[in-house]
Amino acid sequence: MTTIVSFIGATAHNRRQAAPSQPYKLAAAAVSALLWLPRFWKARGELAALAAMSECERRDIGLTAFDVENALTLPVDRDPTGVLAQIVDDRRHRREC
């Protein structure tokens, strides 16, 4: 999401970027903290779906049970789907070479 805010003192002749205010930083941190829990639960739900798949289904998409287990050990603030996608991409590139 991009927000355009005009700051006092930023004129056409003075193109330097004004620093965001302290209340803006606080509001951004609060929004990020509030949205973290739904992102966490969504990612864990996706991992649960991958864990419930059979080994044959996981192999079709390029993952193993070990990959899913390793994704569960990632820190809670890190999205495991990006890590799993990178694993699949790396395997596909190695297979093509």
C-alpha atoms as a PDB file:
ATOM      1  CA  MET A   1       0.000   0.000   0.000  1.00  0.00           C
ATOM      2  CA  THR A   2       1.398   3.381  -0.977  1.00  0.00           C
ATOM      3  CA  THR A   3       0.385   6.567   0.745  1.00  0.00           C
ATOM      4  CA  ILE A   4       1.310   9.970  -0.636  1.00  0.00           C
ATOM      5  CA  VAL A   5       1.649  12.614   2.023  1.00  0.00           C
ATOM      6  CA  SER A   6       2.736  16.164   1.314  1.00  0.00           C
ATOM      7  CA  PHE A   7       5.000  17.545   4.008  1.00  0.00           C
ATOM      8  CA  ILE A   8       5.241  21.195   4.965  1.00  0.00           C
ATOM      9  CA  GLY A   9       8.491  22.597   3.671  1.00  0.00           C
ATOM     10  CA  ALA A  10       8.791  20.247   0.689  1.00  0.00           C
ATOM     11  CA  THR A  11       8.536  22.603  -2.267  1.00  0.00           C
ATOM     12  CA  ALA A  12       9.227  22.267  -5.953  1.00  0.00           C
ATOM     13  CA  HIS A  13      12.660  23.842  -5.477  1.00  0.00           C
ATOM     14  CA  ASN A  14      13.462  21.791  -2.409  1.00  0.00           C
ATOM     15  CA  ARG A  15      13.127  18.147  -3.511  1.00  0.00           C
ATOM     16  CA  ARG A  16      14.604  16.528  -0.407  1.00  0.00           C
ATOM     17  CA  GLN A  17      12.458  13.925   1.307  1.00  0.00           C
ATOM     18  CA  ALA A  18      11.030  14.869   4.673  1.00  0.00           C
ATOM     19  CA  ALA A  19      11.238  12.195   7.366  1.00  0.00           C
ATOM     20  CA  PRO A  20       7.937  10.628   8.452  1.00  0.00           C
ATOM     21  CA  SER A  21       6.609  11.962  11.716  1.00  0.00           C
ATOM     22  CA  GLN A  22       6.699   9.989  14.944  1.00  0.00           C
ATOM     23  CA  PRO A  23       2.879   9.493  15.057  1.00  0.00           C
ATOM     24  CA  TYR A  24       2.988   8.156  11.493  1.00  0.00           C
ATOM     25  CA  LYS A  25       5.707   5.652  12.432  1.00  0.00           C
ATOM     26  CA  LEU A  26       3.717   4.618  15.513  1.00  0.00           C
ATOM     27  CA  ALA A  27       0.537   4.138  13.471  1.00  0.00           C
ATOM     28  CA  ALA A  28       2.399   2.093  10.852  1.00  0.00           C
ATOM     29  CA  ALA A  29       3.873  -0.131  13.566  1.00  0.00           C
ATOM     30  CA  ALA A  30       0.438  -0.612  15.145  1.00  0.00           C
ATOM     31  CA  VAL A  31      -1.139  -1.583  11.817  1.00  0.00           C
ATOM     32  CA  SER A  32       1.704  -3.995  11.110  1.00  0.00           C
ATOM     33  CA  ALA A  33       1.300  -5.585  14.547  1.00  0.00           C
ATOM     34  CA  LEU A  34      -2.458  -5.949  14.124  1.00  0.00           C
ATOM     35  CA  LEU A  35      -2.130  -7.565  10.704  1.00  0.00           C
ATOM     36  CA  TRP A  36       0.633  -9.941  11.790  1.00  0.00           C
ATOM     37  CA  LEU A  37      -1.674 -12.452  13.489  1.00  0.00           C
ATOM     38  CA  PRO A  38      -3.939 -13.050  10.464  1.00  0.00           C
ATOM     39  CA  ARG A  39      -0.850 -13.480   8.244  1.00  0.00           C
ATOM     40  CA  PHE A  40       0.600 -15.949  10.760  1.00  0.00           C
ATOM     41  CA  TRP A  41      -2.586 -18.037  10.932  1.00  0.00           C
ATOM     42  CA  LYS A  42      -2.937 -18.048   7.145  1.00  0.00           C
ATOM     43  CA  ALA A  43       0.642 -19.284   6.718  1.00  0.00           C
ATOM     44  CA  ARG A  44       0.166 -21.967   9.382  1.00  0.00           C
ATOM     45  CA  GLY A  45      -3.059 -23.085   7.707  1.00  0.00           C
ATOM     46  CA  GLU A  46      -1.226 -23.452   4.417  1.00  0.00           C
ATOM     47  CA  LEU A  47       1.488 -25.493   6.130  1.00  0.00           C
ATOM     48  CA  ALA A  48      -1.153 -27.698   7.752  1.00  0.00           C
ATOM     49  CA  ALA A  49      -2.657 -28.336   4.311  1.00  0.00           C
ATOM     50  CA  LEU A  50       0.776 -29.291   2.959  1.00  0.00           C
ATOM     51  CA  ALA A  51       1.398 -31.562   5.936  1.00  0.00           C
ATOM     52  CA  ALA A  52      -1.948 -33.295   5.355  1.00  0.00           C
ATOM     53  CA  MET A  53      -1.052 -34.120   1.748  1.00  0.00           C
ATOM     54  CA  SER A  54       0.212 -37.541   0.831  1.00  0.00           C
ATOM     55  CA  GLU A  55       3.860 -37.969  -0.112  1.00  0.00           C
ATOM     56  CA  CYS A  56       2.820 -38.455  -3.742  1.00  0.00           C
ATOM     57  CA  GLU A  57       0.931 -35.138  -3.785  1.00  0.00           C
ATOM     58  CA  ARG A  58       3.853 -33.290  -2.207  1.00  0.00           C
ATOM     59  CA  ARG A  59       6.238 -34.865  -4.710  1.00  0.00           C
ATOM     60  CA  ASP A  60       4.012 -33.587  -7.545  1.00  0.00           C
ATOM     61  CA  ILE A  61       4.573 -30.005  -6.389  1.00  0.00           C
ATOM     62  CA  GLY A  62       8.258 -30.568  -5.647  1.00  0.00           C
ATOM     63  CA  LEU A  63       8.242 -30.837  -1.847  1.00  0.00           C
ATOM     64  CA  THR A  64       8.990 -33.523   0.703  1.00  0.00           C
ATOM     65  CA  ALA A  65       7.734 -34.107   4.232  1.00  0.00           C
ATOM     66  CA  PHE A  66      11.142 -32.929   5.452  1.00  0.00           C
ATOM     67  CA  ASP A  67      10.674 -29.580   3.676  1.00  0.00           C
ATOM     68  CA  VAL A  68       7.347 -29.025   5.440  1.00  0.00           C
ATOM     69  CA  GLU A  69       8.848 -29.982   8.814  1.00  0.00           C
ATOM     70  CA  ASN A  70      11.714 -27.541   8.263  1.00  0.00           C
ATOM     71  CA  ALA A  71       9.245 -24.787   7.356  1.00  0.00           C
ATOM     72  CA  LEU A  72       7.541 -25.322  10.714  1.00  0.00           C
ATOM     73  CA  THR A  73      10.814 -24.534  12.484  1.00  0.00           C
ATOM     74  CA  LEU A  74      11.133 -21.078  10.899  1.00  0.00           C
ATOM     75  CA  PRO A  75      10.662 -18.033  13.142  1.00  0.00           C
ATOM     76  CA  VAL A  76       7.014 -17.027  13.480  1.00  0.00           C
ATOM     77  CA  ASP A  77       7.582 -13.659  11.796  1.00  0.00           C
ATOM     78  CA  ARG A  78       8.883 -15.297   8.606  1.00  0.00           C
ATOM     79  CA  ASP A  79       6.484 -16.499   5.893  1.00  0.00           C
ATOM     80  CA  PRO A  80       7.205 -20.197   5.216  1.00  0.00           C
ATOM     81  CA  THR A  81       5.498 -20.188   1.809  1.00  0.00           C
ATOM     82  CA  GLY A  82       8.265 -18.040   0.340  1.00  0.00           C
ATOM     83  CA  VAL A  83      10.901 -20.413   1.676  1.00  0.00           C
ATOM     84  CA  LEU A  84       9.093 -23.460   0.290  1.00  0.00           C
ATOM     85  CA  ALA A  85       8.641 -21.778  -3.088  1.00  0.00           C
ATOM     86  CA  GLN A  86      12.388 -21.076  -3.190  1.00  0.00           C
ATOM     87  CA  ILE A  87      13.146 -24.741  -2.400  1.00  0.00           C
ATOM     88  CA  VAL A  88      10.916 -25.901  -5.258  1.00  0.00           C
ATOM     89  CA  ASP A  89      12.448 -23.350  -7.629  1.00  0.00           C
ATOM     90  CA  ASP A  90      15.997 -24.434  -6.706  1.00  0.00           C
ATOM     91  CA  ARG A  91      15.165 -28.087  -7.313  1.00  0.00           C
ATOM     92  CA  ARG A  92      13.647 -27.327 -10.705  1.00  0.00           C
ATOM     93  CA  HIS A  93      16.726 -25.363 -11.760  1.00  0.00           C
ATOM     94  CA  ARG A  94      19.057 -28.144 -10.631  1.00  0.00           C
ATOM     95  CA  ARG A  95      17.013 -30.700 -12.541  1.00  0.00           C
ATOM     96  CA  GLU A  96      17.178 -28.604 -15.738  1.00  0.00           C
ATOM     97  CA  CYS A  97      20.982 -28.257 -15.656  1.00  0.00           C
END
